[in-house]
Amino acid sequence: MEIFLCTIQELPLNVKSGLVSLYNRIQSLIMDTCIKYFFFLKMNNV
């Protein structure tokens, strides 16, 4: 994990911001999917 962080430190700023926005997009997508799935399960249990 630390190696990964060191590699990110050496990247140019535009690549770094691109990675960050990609990571945020993936994270919000996963959260969105989890929330939808959770509500789907709750609706089916009732």
PDB file of N, CA and C in Angstrom:
ATOM      1  N   MET A   1       0.835  -1.200   0.000  1.00  0.00           N
ATOM      2  CA  MET A   1       0.000   0.000   0.000  1.00  0.00           C
ATOM      3  C   MET A   1       0.874   1.256   0.000  1.00  0.00           C
ATOM      4  N   GLU A   2       1.938   1.262   0.810  1.00  0.00           N
ATOM      5  CA  GLU A   2       2.831   2.418   0.866  1.00  0.00           C
ATOM      6  C   GLU A   2       3.555   2.631  -0.456  1.00  0.00           C
ATOM      7  N   ILE A   3       3.885   1.523  -1.119  1.00  0.00           N
ATOM      8  CA  ILE A   3       4.533   1.610  -2.438  1.00  0.00           C
ATOM      9  C   ILE A   3       3.588   2.315  -3.412  1.00  0.00           C
ATOM     10  N   PHE A   4       2.310   1.939  -3.352  1.00  0.00           N
ATOM     11  CA  PHE A   4       1.282   2.534  -4.202  1.00  0.00           C
ATOM     12  C   PHE A   4       1.196   4.042  -3.968  1.00  0.00           C
ATOM     13  N   LEU A   5       1.211   4.441  -2.692  1.00  0.00           N
ATOM     14  CA  LEU A   5       1.151   5.865  -2.343  1.00  0.00           C
ATOM     15  C   LEU A   5       2.382   6.616  -2.828  1.00  0.00           C
ATOM     16  N   CYS A   6       3.550   6.006  -2.702  1.00  0.00           N
ATOM     17  CA  CYS A   6       4.793   6.626  -3.175  1.00  0.00           C
ATOM     18  C   CYS A   6       4.745   6.842  -4.685  1.00  0.00           C
ATOM     19  N   THR A   7       4.201   5.874  -5.403  1.00  0.00           N
ATOM     20  CA  THR A   7       4.085   5.985  -6.855  1.00  0.00           C
ATOM     21  C   THR A   7       3.159   7.142  -7.219  1.00  0.00           C
ATOM     22  N   ILE A   8       2.061   7.283  -6.484  1.00  0.00           N
ATOM     23  CA  ILE A   8       1.116   8.376  -6.726  1.00  0.00           C
ATOM     24  C   ILE A   8       1.786   9.731  -6.497  1.00  0.00           C
ATOM     25  N   GLN A   9       2.628   9.826  -5.469  1.00  0.00           N
ATOM     26  CA  GLN A   9       3.332  11.081  -5.174  1.00  0.00           C
ATOM     27  C   GLN A   9       4.177  11.539  -6.360  1.00  0.00           C
ATOM     28  N   GLU A  10       4.736  10.589  -7.097  1.00  0.00           N
ATOM     29  CA  GLU A  10       5.630  10.927  -8.201  1.00  0.00           C
ATOM     30  C   GLU A  10       4.893  11.261  -9.497  1.00  0.00           C
ATOM     31  N   LEU A  11       3.596  10.981  -9.537  1.00  0.00           N
ATOM     32  CA  LEU A  11       2.828  11.249 -10.751  1.00  0.00           C
ATOM     33  C   LEU A  11       2.596  12.743 -10.938  1.00  0.00           C
ATOM     34  N   PRO A  12       2.449  13.177 -12.207  1.00  0.00           N
ATOM     35  CA  PRO A  12       2.085  14.573 -12.468  1.00  0.00           C
ATOM     36  C   PRO A  12       0.701  14.911 -11.906  1.00  0.00           C
ATOM     37  N   LEU A  13       0.463  16.201 -11.704  1.00  0.00           N
ATOM     38  CA  LEU A  13      -0.747  16.656 -11.024  1.00  0.00           C
ATOM     39  C   LEU A  13      -2.031  16.285 -11.777  1.00  0.00           C
ATOM     40  N   ASN A  14      -2.015  16.417 -13.110  1.00  0.00           N
ATOM     41  CA  ASN A  14      -3.231  16.112 -13.878  1.00  0.00           C
ATOM     42  C   ASN A  14      -3.582  14.629 -13.807  1.00  0.00           C
ATOM     43  N   VAL A  15      -2.555  13.772 -13.791  1.00  0.00           N
ATOM     44  CA  VAL A  15      -2.785  12.330 -13.655  1.00  0.00           C
ATOM     45  C   VAL A  15      -3.324  12.029 -12.263  1.00  0.00           C
ATOM     46  N   LYS A  16      -2.758  12.716 -11.260  1.00  0.00           N
ATOM     47  CA  LYS A  16      -3.177  12.520  -9.876  1.00  0.00           C
ATOM     48  C   LYS A  16      -4.647  12.895  -9.692  1.00  0.00           C
ATOM     49  N   SER A  17      -5.045  14.057 -10.219  1.00  0.00           N
ATOM     50  CA  SER A  17      -6.432  14.503 -10.084  1.00  0.00           C
ATOM     51  C   SER A  17      -7.371  13.589 -10.872  1.00  0.00           C
ATOM     52  N   GLY A  18      -6.885  13.074 -11.999  1.00  0.00           N
ATOM     53  CA  GLY A  18      -7.667  12.118 -12.777  1.00  0.00           C
ATOM     54  C   GLY A  18      -7.930  10.843 -11.996  1.00  0.00           C
ATOM     55  N   LEU A  19      -6.898  10.344 -11.321  1.00  0.00           N
ATOM     56  CA  LEU A  19      -7.038   9.145 -10.494  1.00  0.00           C
ATOM     57  C   LEU A  19      -7.991   9.378  -9.336  1.00  0.00           C
ATOM     58  N   VAL A  20      -7.881  10.550  -8.720  1.00  0.00           N
ATOM     59  CA  VAL A  20      -8.740  10.881  -7.582  1.00  0.00           C
ATOM     60  C   VAL A  20     -10.202  10.949  -8.010  1.00  0.00           C
ATOM     61  N   SER A  21     -10.478  11.600  -9.134  1.00  0.00           N
ATOM     62  CA  SER A  21     -11.861  11.710  -9.604  1.00  0.00           C
ATOM     63  C   SER A  21     -12.412  10.348 -10.013  1.00  0.00           C
ATOM     64  N   LEU A  22     -11.556   9.513 -10.609  1.00  0.00           N
ATOM     65  CA  LEU A  22     -11.950   8.153 -10.978  1.00  0.00           C
ATOM     66  C   LEU A  22     -12.285   7.352  -9.729  1.00  0.00           C
ATOM     67  N   TYR A  23     -11.439   7.452  -8.713  1.00  0.00           N
ATOM     68  CA  TYR A  23     -11.653   6.751  -7.443  1.00  0.00           C
ATOM     69  C   TYR A  23     -12.956   7.198  -6.793  1.00  0.00           C
ATOM     70  N   ASN A  24     -13.200   8.523  -6.784  1.00  0.00           N
ATOM     71  CA  ASN A  24     -14.429   9.060  -6.199  1.00  0.00           C
ATOM     72  C   ASN A  24     -15.661   8.577  -6.952  1.00  0.00           C
ATOM     73  N   ARG A  25     -15.562   8.524  -8.287  1.00  0.00           N
ATOM     74  CA  ARG A  25     -16.682   8.080  -9.109  1.00  0.00           C
ATOM     75  C   ARG A  25     -17.006   6.617  -8.823  1.00  0.00           C
ATOM     76  N   ILE A  26     -15.960   5.786  -8.744  1.00  0.00           N
ATOM     77  CA  ILE A  26     -16.152   4.362  -8.453  1.00  0.00           C
ATOM     78  C   ILE A  26     -16.762   4.182  -7.067  1.00  0.00           C
ATOM     79  N   GLN A  27     -16.261   4.951  -6.096  1.00  0.00           N
ATOM     80  CA  GLN A  27     -16.743   4.854  -4.723  1.00  0.00           C
ATOM     81  C   GLN A  27     -18.216   5.235  -4.631  1.00  0.00           C
ATOM     82  N   SER A  28     -18.614   6.324  -5.288  1.00  0.00           N
ATOM     83  CA  SER A  28     -20.007   6.758  -5.247  1.00  0.00           C
ATOM     84  C   SER A  28     -20.902   5.769  -5.987  1.00  0.00           C
ATOM     85  N   LEU A  29     -20.378   5.160  -7.059  1.00  0.00           N
ATOM     86  CA  LEU A  29     -21.122   4.143  -7.798  1.00  0.00           C
ATOM     87  C   LEU A  29     -21.380   2.929  -6.919  1.00  0.00           C
ATOM     88  N   ILE A  30     -20.349   2.491  -6.190  1.00  0.00           N
ATOM     89  CA  ILE A  30     -20.484   1.345  -5.287  1.00  0.00           C
ATOM     90  C   ILE A  30     -21.488   1.661  -4.178  1.00  0.00           C
ATOM     91  N   MET A  31     -21.386   2.853  -3.594  1.00  0.00           N
ATOM     92  CA  MET A  31     -22.314   3.266  -2.543  1.00  0.00           C
ATOM     93  C   MET A  31     -23.746   3.283  -3.066  1.00  0.00           C
ATOM     94  N   ASP A  32     -23.943   3.851  -4.250  1.00  0.00           N
ATOM     95  CA  ASP A  32     -25.254   3.941  -4.876  1.00  0.00           C
ATOM     96  C   ASP A  32     -25.845   2.555  -5.080  1.00  0.00           C
ATOM     97  N   THR A  33     -25.020   1.633  -5.602  1.00  0.00           N
ATOM     98  CA  THR A  33     -25.462   0.266  -5.856  1.00  0.00           C
ATOM     99  C   THR A  33     -25.835  -0.434  -4.557  1.00  0.00           C
ATOM    100  N   CYS A  34     -25.009  -0.258  -3.523  1.00  0.00           N
ATOM    101  CA  CYS A  34     -25.273  -0.881  -2.221  1.00  0.00           C
ATOM    102  C   CYS A  34     -26.581  -0.381  -1.626  1.00  0.00           C
ATOM    103  N   ILE A  35     -26.807   0.927  -1.712  1.00  0.00           N
ATOM    104  CA  ILE A  35     -28.022   1.527  -1.156  1.00  0.00           C
ATOM    105  C   ILE A  35     -29.256   1.011  -1.901  1.00  0.00           C
ATOM    106  N   LYS A  36     -29.190   0.976  -3.228  1.00  0.00           N
ATOM    107  CA  LYS A  36     -30.313   0.473  -4.026  1.00  0.00           C
ATOM    108  C   LYS A  36     -30.594  -0.988  -3.704  1.00  0.00           C
ATOM    109  N   TYR A  37     -29.531  -1.776  -3.597  1.00  0.00           N
ATOM    110  CA  TYR A  37     -29.660  -3.202  -3.289  1.00  0.00           C
ATOM    111  C   TYR A  37     -30.277  -3.397  -1.910  1.00  0.00           C
ATOM    112  N   PHE A  38     -29.835  -2.595  -0.942  1.00  0.00           N
ATOM    113  CA  PHE A  38     -30.341  -2.663   0.423  1.00  0.00           C
ATOM    114  C   PHE A  38     -31.840  -2.362   0.461  1.00  0.00           C
ATOM    115  N   PHE A  39     -32.255  -1.290  -0.216  1.00  0.00           N
ATOM    116  CA  PHE A  39     -33.672  -0.933  -0.247  1.00  0.00           C
ATOM    117  C   PHE A  39     -34.488  -1.990  -0.981  1.00  0.00           C
ATOM    118  N   PHE A  40     -33.917  -2.565  -2.034  1.00  0.00           N
ATOM    119  CA  PHE A  40     -34.573  -3.642  -2.779  1.00  0.00           C
ATOM    120  C   PHE A  40     -34.840  -4.828  -1.863  1.00  0.00           C
ATOM    121  N   LEU A  41     -33.851  -5.198  -1.049  1.00  0.00           N
ATOM    122  CA  LEU A  41     -34.012  -6.304  -0.103  1.00  0.00           C
ATOM    123  C   LEU A  41     -35.064  -5.977   0.948  1.00  0.00           C
ATOM    124  N   LYS A  42     -35.044  -4.746   1.461  1.00  0.00           N
ATOM    125  CA  LYS A  42     -36.017  -4.336   2.479  1.00  0.00           C
ATOM    126  C   LYS A  42     -37.439  -4.380   1.928  1.00  0.00           C
ATOM    127  N   MET A  43     -37.626  -3.924   0.709  1.00  0.00           N
ATOM    128  CA  MET A  43     -38.948  -3.925   0.091  1.00  0.00           C
ATOM    129  C   MET A  43     -39.459  -5.352  -0.092  1.00  0.00           C
ATOM    130  N   ASN A  44     -38.578  -6.255  -0.466  1.00  0.00           N
ATOM    131  CA  ASN A  44     -38.978  -7.640  -0.702  1.00  0.00           C
ATOM    132  C   ASN A  44     -39.278  -8.389   0.594  1.00  0.00           C
ATOM    133  N   ASN A  45     -38.617  -8.008   1.683  1.00  0.00           N
ATOM    134  CA  ASN A  45     -38.874  -8.662   2.966  1.00  0.00           C
ATOM    135  C   ASN A  45     -40.233  -8.273   3.536  1.00  0.00           C
ATOM    136  N   VAL A  46     -40.682  -7.059   3.227  1.00  0.00           N
ATOM    137  CA  VAL A  46     -41.988  -6.580   3.707  1.00  0.00           C
ATOM    138  C   VAL A  46     -43.059  -7.091   2.760  1.00  0.00           C
TER     139      VAL A  46
END
